[in-house]
Amino acid sequence: MSCNRSMYPVMMAFFWQRAVVSVAAAMLIYADMTLDCRPDFVTVVWTEGRSQADLSLFRLGSCFPTSFSATQAVFRVDFNDCNFRRLVTGHHLMYSNDLTYGSSSGSQSLSFTHPVVCAFARPKDWYPMIYDPMFSTHGVGHLVFHIALMNDDFSGPAESTTFALGSFIPIMASVSQKTHQPLLLLLEECVAATTPELQPESPVYPIIANKGCLVDSRISGSKFEPRQKSSELQLSLQAFRFGLGQEVFIHCKLVAWDPNGLDLTKKACHYVKEHGWELLDNYAYSTLCDCCDSDCKSRKTRSIESGTHGVAQKAVLGPLTITDETS
């Protein structure tokens, strides 16, 4: 197995093996992989020595091979595609994904997964672009999910990523619908963290929880704004003390859902002082929000995983910084 290292001085390329050799050993004996990391894209070439292997069954994250033959599967993809995971540390910028092979015979012994990792030295003035849409393709047709910081009237992107404590952080989430049926965009959950990737031990600040309840509105002026389109959701989030002065990342789960299928687990609710919990999309059905102070569980059996009623996508917004101008 080999790894091509490019001439870029800020770059390192790694291919890490997991403890799955016992599962994949038969495959690896006859195979070789090369990995070429570049600043914006990566090329992965799997060369197979067994003629009976179906190389069209390889996947890099959510992506099919760019090209394949009887002996090679080639991926040449951007880091913004294929569900690459990005991790930013003090000194490194790392992109990771999984190269998987699934046997058409359905045999577990012929299926395996290998991590693919590209690591770069992080330039001192580098920060993630927060306005690039995060997207994924699901089911029939293409759904492109977006989440971004906006200016005060939601007419364009924010001019700054720094917000004063107590001010409002305008956030807009949306889903672009191409060949798909009309869908309603919901935020099922959002938490703030000081890391771009959530870990089990990561301290978090809950913003939206309990299947669409804007729990932060209970203790602040945060609110959902009236919808302009069913495929968009605007959130005015009041800047909080969590992570004050640090880089803050907002981790959300976006859901594109059947507009006629709202229930206890698919809703957008916020708390209005002196009125209580209100349903954004139809005040008359605000009883769907009554569970926001307890536990919201659906009595129906419909499922996102079935793909029939909706699609979910995780997204990360940030970094942004909250400052206390009085201190």
C-alpha atoms as a PDB file:
ATOM      1  CA  MET A   1       0.000   0.000   0.000  1.00  0.00           C
ATOM      2  CA  SER A   2       1.535   3.328  -0.949  1.00  0.00           C
ATOM      3  CA  CYS A   3       0.919   7.005  -0.348  1.00  0.00           C
ATOM      4  CA  ASN A   4       1.939   9.727  -2.817  1.00  0.00           C
ATOM      5  CA  ARG A   5       3.091  12.894  -1.070  1.00  0.00           C
ATOM      6  CA  SER A   6       2.757  16.082  -3.092  1.00  0.00           C
ATOM      7  CA  MET A   7       5.386  18.821  -3.189  1.00  0.00           C
ATOM      8  CA  TYR A   8       3.260  21.289  -1.223  1.00  0.00           C
ATOM      9  CA  PRO A   9       5.347  22.246   1.862  1.00  0.00           C
ATOM     10  CA  VAL A  10       2.341  22.666   4.178  1.00  0.00           C
ATOM     11  CA  MET A  11       0.932  19.256   3.472  1.00  0.00           C
ATOM     12  CA  MET A  12       1.037  15.794   4.952  1.00  0.00           C
ATOM     13  CA  ALA A  13      -0.952  12.842   3.697  1.00  0.00           C
ATOM     14  CA  PHE A  14      -1.886   9.909   5.855  1.00  0.00           C
ATOM     15  CA  PHE A  15      -3.623   6.618   5.273  1.00  0.00           C
ATOM     16  CA  TRP A  16      -4.675   5.130   8.594  1.00  0.00           C
ATOM     17  CA  GLN A  17      -5.742   1.513   8.996  1.00  0.00           C
ATOM     18  CA  ARG A  18      -8.386   0.582  11.511  1.00  0.00           C
ATOM     19  CA  ALA A  19      -8.525  -2.713  13.338  1.00  0.00           C
ATOM     20  CA  VAL A  20     -10.478  -4.308  10.506  1.00  0.00           C
ATOM     21  CA  VAL A  21      -7.587  -6.187   8.938  1.00  0.00           C
ATOM     22  CA  SER A  22      -9.118  -9.511   9.912  1.00  0.00           C
ATOM     23  CA  VAL A  23     -12.197  -8.615   7.867  1.00  0.00           C
ATOM     24  CA  ALA A  24     -10.347  -7.128   4.888  1.00  0.00           C
ATOM     25  CA  ALA A  25      -7.142  -9.192   4.847  1.00  0.00           C
ATOM     26  CA  ALA A  26      -8.131 -11.250   1.834  1.00  0.00           C
ATOM     27  CA  MET A  27      -8.828  -8.076  -0.129  1.00  0.00           C
ATOM     28  CA  LEU A  28      -5.661  -6.233   0.941  1.00  0.00           C
ATOM     29  CA  ILE A  29      -3.305  -9.022  -0.093  1.00  0.00           C
ATOM     30  CA  TYR A  30      -4.183  -8.378  -3.717  1.00  0.00           C
ATOM     31  CA  ALA A  31      -4.620  -4.592  -3.581  1.00  0.00           C
ATOM     32  CA  ASP A  32      -2.686  -1.335  -3.471  1.00  0.00           C
ATOM     33  CA  MET A  33      -3.884   2.196  -2.709  1.00  0.00           C
ATOM     34  CA  THR A  34      -2.327   5.576  -3.496  1.00  0.00           C
ATOM     35  CA  LEU A  35      -3.420   8.835  -1.893  1.00  0.00           C
ATOM     36  CA  ASP A  36      -2.545  12.275  -3.296  1.00  0.00           C
ATOM     37  CA  CYS A  37      -3.674  15.217  -1.133  1.00  0.00           C
ATOM     38  CA  ARG A  38      -3.868  18.703  -2.631  1.00  0.00           C
ATOM     39  CA  PRO A  39      -5.083  21.964  -1.018  1.00  0.00           C
ATOM     40  CA  ASP A  40      -8.665  21.662  -2.319  1.00  0.00           C
ATOM     41  CA  PHE A  41      -9.052  18.082  -3.502  1.00  0.00           C
ATOM     42  CA  VAL A  42      -7.760  14.555  -3.106  1.00  0.00           C
ATOM     43  CA  THR A  43      -7.099  11.733  -5.537  1.00  0.00           C
ATOM     44  CA  VAL A  44      -7.502   8.171  -4.301  1.00  0.00           C
ATOM     45  CA  VAL A  45      -6.565   5.257  -6.567  1.00  0.00           C
ATOM     46  CA  TRP A  46      -7.334   1.671  -5.566  1.00  0.00           C
ATOM     47  CA  THR A  47      -5.571  -0.922  -7.728  1.00  0.00           C
ATOM     48  CA  GLU A  48      -7.010  -4.418  -7.498  1.00  0.00           C
ATOM     49  CA  GLY A  49      -5.184  -7.590  -8.483  1.00  0.00           C
ATOM     50  CA  ARG A  50      -8.233  -9.859  -8.542  1.00  0.00           C
ATOM     51  CA  SER A  51     -10.314  -9.856 -11.693  1.00  0.00           C
ATOM     52  CA  GLN A  52     -13.472 -10.984  -9.887  1.00  0.00           C
ATOM     53  CA  ALA A  53     -13.697  -7.824  -7.742  1.00  0.00           C
ATOM     54  CA  ASP A  54     -16.414  -5.359  -8.814  1.00  0.00           C
ATOM     55  CA  LEU A  55     -14.667  -1.990  -8.388  1.00  0.00           C
ATOM     56  CA  SER A  56     -17.862  -0.054  -9.060  1.00  0.00           C
ATOM     57  CA  LEU A  57     -18.875  -0.988  -5.496  1.00  0.00           C
ATOM     58  CA  PHE A  58     -16.229   1.263  -3.921  1.00  0.00           C
ATOM     59  CA  ARG A  59     -17.421   4.460  -2.240  1.00  0.00           C
ATOM     60  CA  LEU A  60     -15.495   7.393  -0.796  1.00  0.00           C
ATOM     61  CA  GLY A  61     -17.933   8.757   1.753  1.00  0.00           C
ATOM     62  CA  SER A  62     -21.106   9.346  -0.270  1.00  0.00           C
ATOM     63  CA  CYS A  63     -19.306   9.506  -3.638  1.00  0.00           C
ATOM     64  CA  PHE A  64     -19.145   6.915  -6.401  1.00  0.00           C
ATOM     65  CA  PRO A  65     -15.828   6.389  -8.224  1.00  0.00           C
ATOM     66  CA  THR A  66     -14.912   9.166 -10.646  1.00  0.00           C
ATOM     67  CA  SER A  67     -13.823   6.374 -12.964  1.00  0.00           C
ATOM     68  CA  PHE A  68     -13.191   2.654 -12.710  1.00  0.00           C
ATOM     69  CA  SER A  69     -11.924  -0.237 -14.784  1.00  0.00           C
ATOM     70  CA  ALA A  70     -11.397  -3.942 -14.253  1.00  0.00           C
ATOM     71  CA  THR A  71      -8.339  -3.215 -12.092  1.00  0.00           C
ATOM     72  CA  GLN A  72      -8.688   0.330 -10.716  1.00  0.00           C
ATOM     73  CA  ALA A  73     -11.178   2.562  -8.912  1.00  0.00           C
ATOM     74  CA  VAL A  74     -10.287   6.265  -9.027  1.00  0.00           C
ATOM     75  CA  PHE A  75     -11.724   9.098  -6.947  1.00  0.00           C
ATOM     76  CA  ARG A  76     -10.797  12.719  -7.682  1.00  0.00           C
ATOM     77  CA  VAL A  77     -13.023  14.803  -5.424  1.00  0.00           C
ATOM     78  CA  ASP A  78     -13.164  18.140  -3.625  1.00  0.00           C
ATOM     79  CA  PHE A  79     -13.093  18.257   0.166  1.00  0.00           C
ATOM     80  CA  ASN A  80     -16.469  20.046   0.049  1.00  0.00           C
ATOM     81  CA  ASP A  81     -18.026  16.914  -1.468  1.00  0.00           C
ATOM     82  CA  CYS A  82     -18.572  13.312  -0.389  1.00  0.00           C
ATOM     83  CA  ASN A  83     -19.332  14.161   3.266  1.00  0.00           C
ATOM     84  CA  PHE A  84     -15.703  14.813   4.181  1.00  0.00           C
ATOM     85  CA  ARG A  85     -15.266  15.616   7.861  1.00  0.00           C
ATOM     86  CA  ARG A  86     -13.156  18.672   8.719  1.00  0.00           C
ATOM     87  CA  LEU A  87     -11.228  19.049  11.979  1.00  0.00           C
ATOM     88  CA  VAL A  88      -9.395  22.271  12.816  1.00  0.00           C
ATOM     89  CA  THR A  89      -6.826  22.267  15.614  1.00  0.00           C
ATOM     90  CA  GLY A  90      -4.299  24.852  16.717  1.00  0.00           C
ATOM     91  CA  HIS A  91      -1.742  23.759  14.127  1.00  0.00           C
ATOM     92  CA  HIS A  92      -3.483  21.490  11.649  1.00  0.00           C
ATOM     93  CA  LEU A  93      -6.390  21.383   9.230  1.00  0.00           C
ATOM     94  CA  MET A  94      -7.509  17.797   8.702  1.00  0.00           C
ATOM     95  CA  TYR A  95      -9.998  16.241   6.275  1.00  0.00           C
ATOM     96  CA  SER A  96     -11.124  12.658   6.833  1.00  0.00           C
ATOM     97  CA  ASN A  97     -13.451  10.210   5.146  1.00  0.00           C
ATOM     98  CA  ASP A  98     -14.022   6.473   4.768  1.00  0.00           C
ATOM     99  CA  LEU A  99     -13.216   4.381   1.720  1.00  0.00           C
ATOM    100  CA  THR A 100     -15.671   1.496   1.733  1.00  0.00           C
ATOM    101  CA  TYR A 101     -16.255  -1.593  -0.340  1.00  0.00           C
ATOM    102  CA  GLY A 102     -19.552  -3.445  -0.286  1.00  0.00           C
ATOM    103  CA  SER A 103     -19.716  -6.842  -1.907  1.00  0.00           C
ATOM    104  CA  SER A 104     -22.591  -7.361  -4.336  1.00  0.00           C
ATOM    105  CA  SER A 105     -22.926 -10.837  -2.869  1.00  0.00           C
ATOM    106  CA  GLY A 106     -23.907  -9.321   0.463  1.00  0.00           C
ATOM    107  CA  SER A 107     -21.149 -11.234   2.257  1.00  0.00           C
ATOM    108  CA  GLN A 108     -19.838  -9.447   5.349  1.00  0.00           C
ATOM    109  CA  SER A 109     -16.427 -11.057   4.830  1.00  0.00           C
ATOM    110  CA  LEU A 110     -15.996  -9.275   1.489  1.00  0.00           C
ATOM    111  CA  SER A 111     -16.895  -5.815   2.803  1.00  0.00           C
ATOM    112  CA  PHE A 112     -14.497  -3.433   4.532  1.00  0.00           C
ATOM    113  CA  THR A 113     -13.831   0.185   5.476  1.00  0.00           C
ATOM    114  CA  HIS A 114     -10.584   2.182   5.559  1.00  0.00           C
ATOM    115  CA  PRO A 115     -10.115   5.764   6.791  1.00  0.00           C
ATOM    116  CA  VAL A 116      -8.610   8.259   4.352  1.00  0.00           C
ATOM    117  CA  VAL A 117      -7.044  11.329   5.972  1.00  0.00           C
ATOM    118  CA  CYS A 118      -5.378  14.440   4.551  1.00  0.00           C
ATOM    119  CA  ALA A 119      -3.692  16.767   7.046  1.00  0.00           C
ATOM    120  CA  PHE A 120      -2.312  20.221   6.305  1.00  0.00           C
ATOM    121  CA  ALA A 121      -0.418  22.751   8.381  1.00  0.00           C
ATOM    122  CA  ARG A 122      -2.977  25.406   9.308  1.00  0.00           C
ATOM    123  CA  PRO A 123      -2.030  28.904   8.065  1.00  0.00           C
ATOM    124  CA  LYS A 124      -2.122  31.407  10.924  1.00  0.00           C
ATOM    125  CA  ASP A 125      -4.788  33.542   9.233  1.00  0.00           C
ATOM    126  CA  TRP A 126      -6.940  30.618   8.069  1.00  0.00           C
ATOM    127  CA  TYR A 127     -10.557  30.201   9.164  1.00  0.00           C
ATOM    128  CA  PRO A 128     -13.303  28.005   7.689  1.00  0.00           C
ATOM    129  CA  MET A 129     -15.573  29.670   5.154  1.00  0.00           C
ATOM    130  CA  ILE A 130     -18.930  29.791   6.915  1.00  0.00           C
ATOM    131  CA  TYR A 131     -20.982  30.814   3.895  1.00  0.00           C
ATOM    132  CA  ASP A 132     -20.219  27.774   1.770  1.00  0.00           C
ATOM    133  CA  PRO A 133     -23.301  25.542   1.756  1.00  0.00           C
ATOM    134  CA  MET A 134     -23.066  22.141   3.368  1.00  0.00           C
ATOM    135  CA  PHE A 135     -24.874  19.679   1.197  1.00  0.00           C
ATOM    136  CA  SER A 136     -25.604  16.056   0.634  1.00  0.00           C
ATOM    137  CA  THR A 137     -27.651  14.011  -1.810  1.00  0.00           C
ATOM    138  CA  HIS A 138     -30.398  11.760  -0.517  1.00  0.00           C
ATOM    139  CA  GLY A 139     -32.984   9.453  -2.029  1.00  0.00           C
ATOM    140  CA  VAL A 140     -34.820  10.468  -5.179  1.00  0.00           C
ATOM    141  CA  GLY A 141     -33.657  13.790  -6.562  1.00  0.00           C
ATOM    142  CA  HIS A 142     -31.142  16.187  -5.053  1.00  0.00           C
ATOM    143  CA  LEU A 143     -31.516  18.143  -1.833  1.00  0.00           C
ATOM    144  CA  VAL A 144     -28.941  20.819  -1.063  1.00  0.00           C
ATOM    145  CA  PHE A 145     -28.909  22.013   2.547  1.00  0.00           C
ATOM    146  CA  HIS A 146     -27.565  25.450   3.524  1.00  0.00           C
ATOM    147  CA  ILE A 147     -26.949  27.162   6.858  1.00  0.00           C
ATOM    148  CA  ALA A 148     -25.326  30.589   7.215  1.00  0.00           C
ATOM    149  CA  LEU A 149     -24.862  33.644   9.397  1.00  0.00           C
ATOM    150  CA  MET A 150     -26.870  36.534   7.958  1.00  0.00           C
ATOM    151  CA  ASN A 151     -27.073  40.305   8.311  1.00  0.00           C
ATOM    152  CA  ASP A 152     -29.725  41.917  10.517  1.00  0.00           C
ATOM    153  CA  ASP A 153     -32.570  41.752   7.970  1.00  0.00           C
ATOM    154  CA  PHE A 154     -31.607  38.352   6.514  1.00  0.00           C
ATOM    155  CA  SER A 155     -31.032  39.921   3.091  1.00  0.00           C
ATOM    156  CA  GLY A 156     -27.435  38.740   2.759  1.00  0.00           C
ATOM    157  CA  PRO A 157     -24.484  37.147   4.546  1.00  0.00           C
ATOM    158  CA  ALA A 158     -23.183  38.636   7.782  1.00  0.00           C
ATOM    159  CA  GLU A 159     -20.354  41.123   7.464  1.00  0.00           C
ATOM    160  CA  SER A 160     -18.766  39.960  10.714  1.00  0.00           C
ATOM    161  CA  THR A 161     -18.565  36.763  12.736  1.00  0.00           C
ATOM    162  CA  THR A 162     -18.166  38.627  16.044  1.00  0.00           C
ATOM    163  CA  PHE A 163     -21.280  39.380  18.119  1.00  0.00           C
ATOM    164  CA  ALA A 164     -21.735  41.313  21.350  1.00  0.00           C
ATOM    165  CA  LEU A 165     -23.234  39.466  24.306  1.00  0.00           C
ATOM    166  CA  GLY A 166     -27.014  39.957  24.237  1.00  0.00           C
ATOM    167  CA  SER A 167     -27.138  41.010  20.586  1.00  0.00           C
ATOM    168  CA  PHE A 168     -28.881  38.871  17.995  1.00  0.00           C
ATOM    169  CA  ILE A 169     -27.154  36.366  15.741  1.00  0.00           C
ATOM    170  CA  PRO A 170     -29.245  35.977  12.556  1.00  0.00           C
ATOM    171  CA  ILE A 171     -29.064  32.426  11.195  1.00  0.00           C
ATOM    172  CA  MET A 172     -30.815  31.110   8.108  1.00  0.00           C
ATOM    173  CA  ALA A 173     -31.156  27.448   7.177  1.00  0.00           C
ATOM    174  CA  SER A 174     -32.633  26.296   3.888  1.00  0.00           C
ATOM    175  CA  VAL A 175     -32.972  23.378   1.537  1.00  0.00           C
ATOM    176  CA  SER A 176     -32.842  23.733  -2.239  1.00  0.00           C
ATOM    177  CA  GLN A 177     -35.400  21.505  -3.902  1.00  0.00           C
ATOM    178  CA  LYS A 178     -34.735  20.417  -7.454  1.00  0.00           C
ATOM    179  CA  THR A 179     -36.584  17.320  -8.572  1.00  0.00           C
ATOM    180  CA  HIS A 180     -37.878  16.528  -5.089  1.00  0.00           C
ATOM    181  CA  GLN A 181     -41.416  17.028  -3.820  1.00  0.00           C
ATOM    182  CA  PRO A 182     -42.047  20.284  -1.858  1.00  0.00           C
ATOM    183  CA  LEU A 183     -40.598  20.021   1.639  1.00  0.00           C
ATOM    184  CA  LEU A 184     -40.654  21.979   4.885  1.00  0.00           C
ATOM    185  CA  LEU A 185     -37.260  22.848   6.403  1.00  0.00           C
ATOM    186  CA  LEU A 186     -36.953  22.254  10.160  1.00  0.00           C
ATOM    187  CA  LEU A 187     -34.143  22.435  12.697  1.00  0.00           C
ATOM    188  CA  GLU A 188     -34.511  19.338  14.847  1.00  0.00           C
ATOM    189  CA  GLU A 189     -31.632  20.133  17.186  1.00  0.00           C
ATOM    190  CA  CYS A 190     -28.801  22.642  17.584  1.00  0.00           C
ATOM    191  CA  VAL A 191     -26.070  22.937  20.201  1.00  0.00           C
ATOM    192  CA  ALA A 192     -23.178  25.352  20.582  1.00  0.00           C
ATOM    193  CA  ALA A 193     -19.692  23.986  21.251  1.00  0.00           C
ATOM    194  CA  THR A 194     -16.145  25.310  21.220  1.00  0.00           C
ATOM    195  CA  THR A 195     -14.961  22.614  18.796  1.00  0.00           C
ATOM    196  CA  PRO A 196     -15.826  21.998  15.122  1.00  0.00           C
ATOM    197  CA  GLU A 197     -16.473  18.326  15.871  1.00  0.00           C
ATOM    198  CA  LEU A 198     -18.529  17.085  18.806  1.00  0.00           C
ATOM    199  CA  GLN A 199     -16.934  14.606  21.175  1.00  0.00           C
ATOM    200  CA  PRO A 200     -18.687  12.691  23.991  1.00  0.00           C
ATOM    201  CA  GLU A 201     -16.892  14.840  26.552  1.00  0.00           C
ATOM    202  CA  SER A 202     -17.484  18.145  24.723  1.00  0.00           C
ATOM    203  CA  PRO A 203     -19.313  20.779  26.819  1.00  0.00           C
ATOM    204  CA  VAL A 204     -22.287  22.094  24.854  1.00  0.00           C
ATOM    205  CA  TYR A 205     -24.958  24.777  25.152  1.00  0.00           C
ATOM    206  CA  PRO A 206     -28.403  23.553  23.996  1.00  0.00           C
ATOM    207  CA  ILE A 207     -30.173  25.886  21.563  1.00  0.00           C
ATOM    208  CA  ILE A 208     -32.786  23.649  19.931  1.00  0.00           C
ATOM    209  CA  ALA A 209     -33.707  20.328  21.540  1.00  0.00           C
ATOM    210  CA  ASN A 210     -36.598  17.933  22.065  1.00  0.00           C
ATOM    211  CA  LYS A 211     -37.316  17.585  18.335  1.00  0.00           C
ATOM    212  CA  GLY A 212     -37.604  21.229  17.254  1.00  0.00           C
ATOM    213  CA  CYS A 213     -38.081  23.183  20.508  1.00  0.00           C
ATOM    214  CA  LEU A 214     -36.070  26.410  20.670  1.00  0.00           C
ATOM    215  CA  VAL A 215     -35.206  25.829  24.333  1.00  0.00           C
ATOM    216  CA  ASP A 216     -32.951  28.884  24.445  1.00  0.00           C
ATOM    217  CA  SER A 217     -36.053  31.071  23.952  1.00  0.00           C
ATOM    218  CA  ARG A 218     -37.132  30.027  27.462  1.00  0.00           C
ATOM    219  CA  ILE A 219     -34.363  32.149  29.000  1.00  0.00           C
ATOM    220  CA  SER A 220     -33.643  34.699  26.272  1.00  0.00           C
ATOM    221  CA  GLY A 221     -35.161  36.701  23.444  1.00  0.00           C
ATOM    222  CA  SER A 222     -34.306  34.082  20.826  1.00  0.00           C
ATOM    223  CA  LYS A 223     -37.086  33.332  18.336  1.00  0.00           C
ATOM    224  CA  PHE A 224     -37.948  31.909  14.951  1.00  0.00           C
ATOM    225  CA  GLU A 225     -38.854  34.609  12.431  1.00  0.00           C
ATOM    226  CA  PRO A 226     -42.037  34.296  10.313  1.00  0.00           C
ATOM    227  CA  ARG A 227     -41.393  32.079   7.314  1.00  0.00           C
ATOM    228  CA  GLN A 228     -40.810  33.628   3.909  1.00  0.00           C
ATOM    229  CA  LYS A 229     -40.623  30.209   2.227  1.00  0.00           C
ATOM    230  CA  SER A 230     -41.437  26.725   3.467  1.00  0.00           C
ATOM    231  CA  SER A 231     -37.936  25.632   2.469  1.00  0.00           C
ATOM    232  CA  GLU A 232     -36.272  28.304   4.659  1.00  0.00           C
ATOM    233  CA  LEU A 233     -36.084  28.828   8.408  1.00  0.00           C
ATOM    234  CA  GLN A 234     -34.811  32.048   9.980  1.00  0.00           C
ATOM    235  CA  LEU A 235     -33.571  32.092  13.569  1.00  0.00           C
ATOM    236  CA  SER A 236     -32.750  35.181  15.634  1.00  0.00           C
ATOM    237  CA  LEU A 237     -30.463  33.750  18.309  1.00  0.00           C
ATOM    238  CA  GLN A 238     -29.580  35.995  21.248  1.00  0.00           C
ATOM    239  CA  ALA A 239     -25.831  35.845  21.909  1.00  0.00           C
ATOM    240  CA  PHE A 240     -25.125  33.806  25.056  1.00  0.00           C
ATOM    241  CA  ARG A 241     -22.310  33.539  27.611  1.00  0.00           C
ATOM    242  CA  PHE A 242     -21.262  30.027  26.662  1.00  0.00           C
ATOM    243  CA  GLY A 243     -17.790  30.082  25.078  1.00  0.00           C
ATOM    244  CA  LEU A 244     -17.485  33.825  25.686  1.00  0.00           C
ATOM    245  CA  GLY A 245     -14.407  35.136  23.886  1.00  0.00           C
ATOM    246  CA  GLN A 246     -13.658  31.749  22.294  1.00  0.00           C
ATOM    247  CA  GLU A 247     -14.372  30.280  18.883  1.00  0.00           C
ATOM    248  CA  VAL A 248     -17.923  28.894  18.951  1.00  0.00           C
ATOM    249  CA  PHE A 249     -19.383  26.374  16.508  1.00  0.00           C
ATOM    250  CA  ILE A 250     -23.113  25.696  16.168  1.00  0.00           C
ATOM    251  CA  HIS A 251     -23.917  22.067  15.375  1.00  0.00           C
ATOM    252  CA  CYS A 252     -27.382  21.478  13.912  1.00  0.00           C
ATOM    253  CA  LYS A 253     -29.496  18.696  12.486  1.00  0.00           C
ATOM    254  CA  LEU A 254     -31.553  19.970   9.551  1.00  0.00           C
ATOM    255  CA  VAL A 255     -34.636  18.082   8.431  1.00  0.00           C
ATOM    256  CA  ALA A 256     -36.534  18.439   5.158  1.00  0.00           C
ATOM    257  CA  TRP A 257     -40.016  17.132   5.919  1.00  0.00           C
ATOM    258  CA  ASP A 258     -43.479  16.611   4.489  1.00  0.00           C
ATOM    259  CA  PRO A 259     -45.319  19.968   4.957  1.00  0.00           C
ATOM    260  CA  ASN A 260     -48.479  18.065   5.870  1.00  0.00           C
ATOM    261  CA  GLY A 261     -46.754  15.748   8.324  1.00  0.00           C
ATOM    262  CA  LEU A 262     -46.096  17.910  11.391  1.00  0.00           C
ATOM    263  CA  ASP A 263     -46.261  16.036  14.681  1.00  0.00           C
ATOM    264  CA  LEU A 264     -44.636  16.024  18.121  1.00  0.00           C
ATOM    265  CA  THR A 265     -41.234  15.179  16.634  1.00  0.00           C
ATOM    266  CA  LYS A 266     -41.378  17.333  13.499  1.00  0.00           C
ATOM    267  CA  LYS A 267     -42.098  20.955  14.368  1.00  0.00           C
ATOM    268  CA  ALA A 268     -40.618  24.410  14.974  1.00  0.00           C
ATOM    269  CA  CYS A 269     -41.591  25.803  18.399  1.00  0.00           C
ATOM    270  CA  HIS A 270     -40.424  28.855  20.323  1.00  0.00           C
ATOM    271  CA  TYR A 271     -41.382  30.274  23.696  1.00  0.00           C
ATOM    272  CA  VAL A 272     -43.227  33.596  23.738  1.00  0.00           C
ATOM    273  CA  LYS A 273     -43.269  35.403  27.056  1.00  0.00           C
ATOM    274  CA  GLU A 274     -46.772  35.527  28.638  1.00  0.00           C
ATOM    275  CA  HIS A 275     -48.094  33.180  25.944  1.00  0.00           C
ATOM    276  CA  GLY A 276     -46.011  30.035  26.283  1.00  0.00           C
ATOM    277  CA  TRP A 277     -44.877  27.699  23.532  1.00  0.00           C
ATOM    278  CA  GLU A 278     -46.065  28.529  20.009  1.00  0.00           C
ATOM    279  CA  LEU A 279     -45.875  26.567  16.772  1.00  0.00           C
ATOM    280  CA  LEU A 280     -44.199  28.688  14.107  1.00  0.00           C
ATOM    281  CA  ASP A 281     -46.107  27.313  11.140  1.00  0.00           C
ATOM    282  CA  ASN A 282     -49.639  27.322  12.554  1.00  0.00           C
ATOM    283  CA  TYR A 283     -50.425  28.986  15.879  1.00  0.00           C
ATOM    284  CA  ALA A 284     -53.739  27.099  16.064  1.00  0.00           C
ATOM    285  CA  TYR A 285     -51.822  23.827  16.451  1.00  0.00           C
ATOM    286  CA  SER A 286     -49.479  25.038  19.186  1.00  0.00           C
ATOM    287  CA  THR A 287     -50.508  22.075  21.328  1.00  0.00           C
ATOM    288  CA  LEU A 288     -47.831  20.195  19.375  1.00  0.00           C
ATOM    289  CA  CYS A 289     -45.375  22.267  21.417  1.00  0.00           C
ATOM    290  CA  ASP A 290     -46.789  21.303  24.824  1.00  0.00           C
ATOM    291  CA  CYS A 291     -44.204  18.534  25.098  1.00  0.00           C
ATOM    292  CA  CYS A 292     -41.293  21.000  24.868  1.00  0.00           C
ATOM    293  CA  ASP A 293     -41.082  21.107  28.669  1.00  0.00           C
ATOM    294  CA  SER A 294     -41.144  17.310  28.947  1.00  0.00           C
ATOM    295  CA  ASP A 295     -40.324  14.703  26.295  1.00  0.00           C
ATOM    296  CA  CYS A 296     -41.506  14.890  22.686  1.00  0.00           C
ATOM    297  CA  LYS A 297     -42.228  11.431  21.319  1.00  0.00           C
ATOM    298  CA  SER A 298     -44.328  10.675  18.282  1.00  0.00           C
ATOM    299  CA  ARG A 299     -47.291   8.342  18.472  1.00  0.00           C
ATOM    300  CA  LYS A 300     -46.875   7.702  14.756  1.00  0.00           C
ATOM    301  CA  THR A 301     -44.605   5.166  13.147  1.00  0.00           C
ATOM    302  CA  ARG A 302     -43.280   7.239  10.275  1.00  0.00           C
ATOM    303  CA  SER A 303     -39.526   7.518  10.068  1.00  0.00           C
ATOM    304  CA  ILE A 304     -36.970   9.743   8.387  1.00  0.00           C
ATOM    305  CA  GLU A 305     -34.853   6.691   7.731  1.00  0.00           C
ATOM    306  CA  SER A 306     -37.552   5.299   5.464  1.00  0.00           C
ATOM    307  CA  GLY A 307     -36.988   8.239   3.094  1.00  0.00           C
ATOM    308  CA  THR A 308     -40.745   8.491   2.523  1.00  0.00           C
ATOM    309  CA  HIS A 309     -41.469  11.653   4.466  1.00  0.00           C
ATOM    310  CA  GLY A 310     -38.174  13.466   4.857  1.00  0.00           C
ATOM    311  CA  VAL A 311     -34.393  13.635   4.888  1.00  0.00           C
ATOM    312  CA  ALA A 312     -32.021  14.732   7.662  1.00  0.00           C
ATOM    313  CA  GLN A 313     -28.586  16.336   7.346  1.00  0.00           C
ATOM    314  CA  LYS A 314     -26.092  17.451   9.991  1.00  0.00           C
ATOM    315  CA  ALA A 315     -24.303  20.781   9.543  1.00  0.00           C
ATOM    316  CA  VAL A 316     -21.795  22.920  11.436  1.00  0.00           C
ATOM    317  CA  LEU A 317     -21.803  26.718  11.412  1.00  0.00           C
ATOM    318  CA  GLY A 318     -18.765  28.646  12.551  1.00  0.00           C
ATOM    319  CA  PRO A 319     -16.521  29.702  13.985  1.00  0.00           C
ATOM    320  CA  LEU A 320     -18.128  32.786  15.479  1.00  0.00           C
ATOM    321  CA  THR A 321     -17.106  34.773  18.548  1.00  0.00           C
ATOM    322  CA  ILE A 322     -19.253  36.300  21.304  1.00  0.00           C
ATOM    323  CA  THR A 323     -17.710  39.180  23.246  1.00  0.00           C
ATOM    324  CA  ASP A 324     -18.681  41.036  26.418  1.00  0.00           C
ATOM    325  CA  GLU A 325     -18.233  44.717  25.641  1.00  0.00           C
ATOM    326  CA  THR A 326     -18.871  45.706  29.267  1.00  0.00           C
ATOM    327  CA  SER A 327     -15.866  43.860  30.658  1.00  0.00           C
END
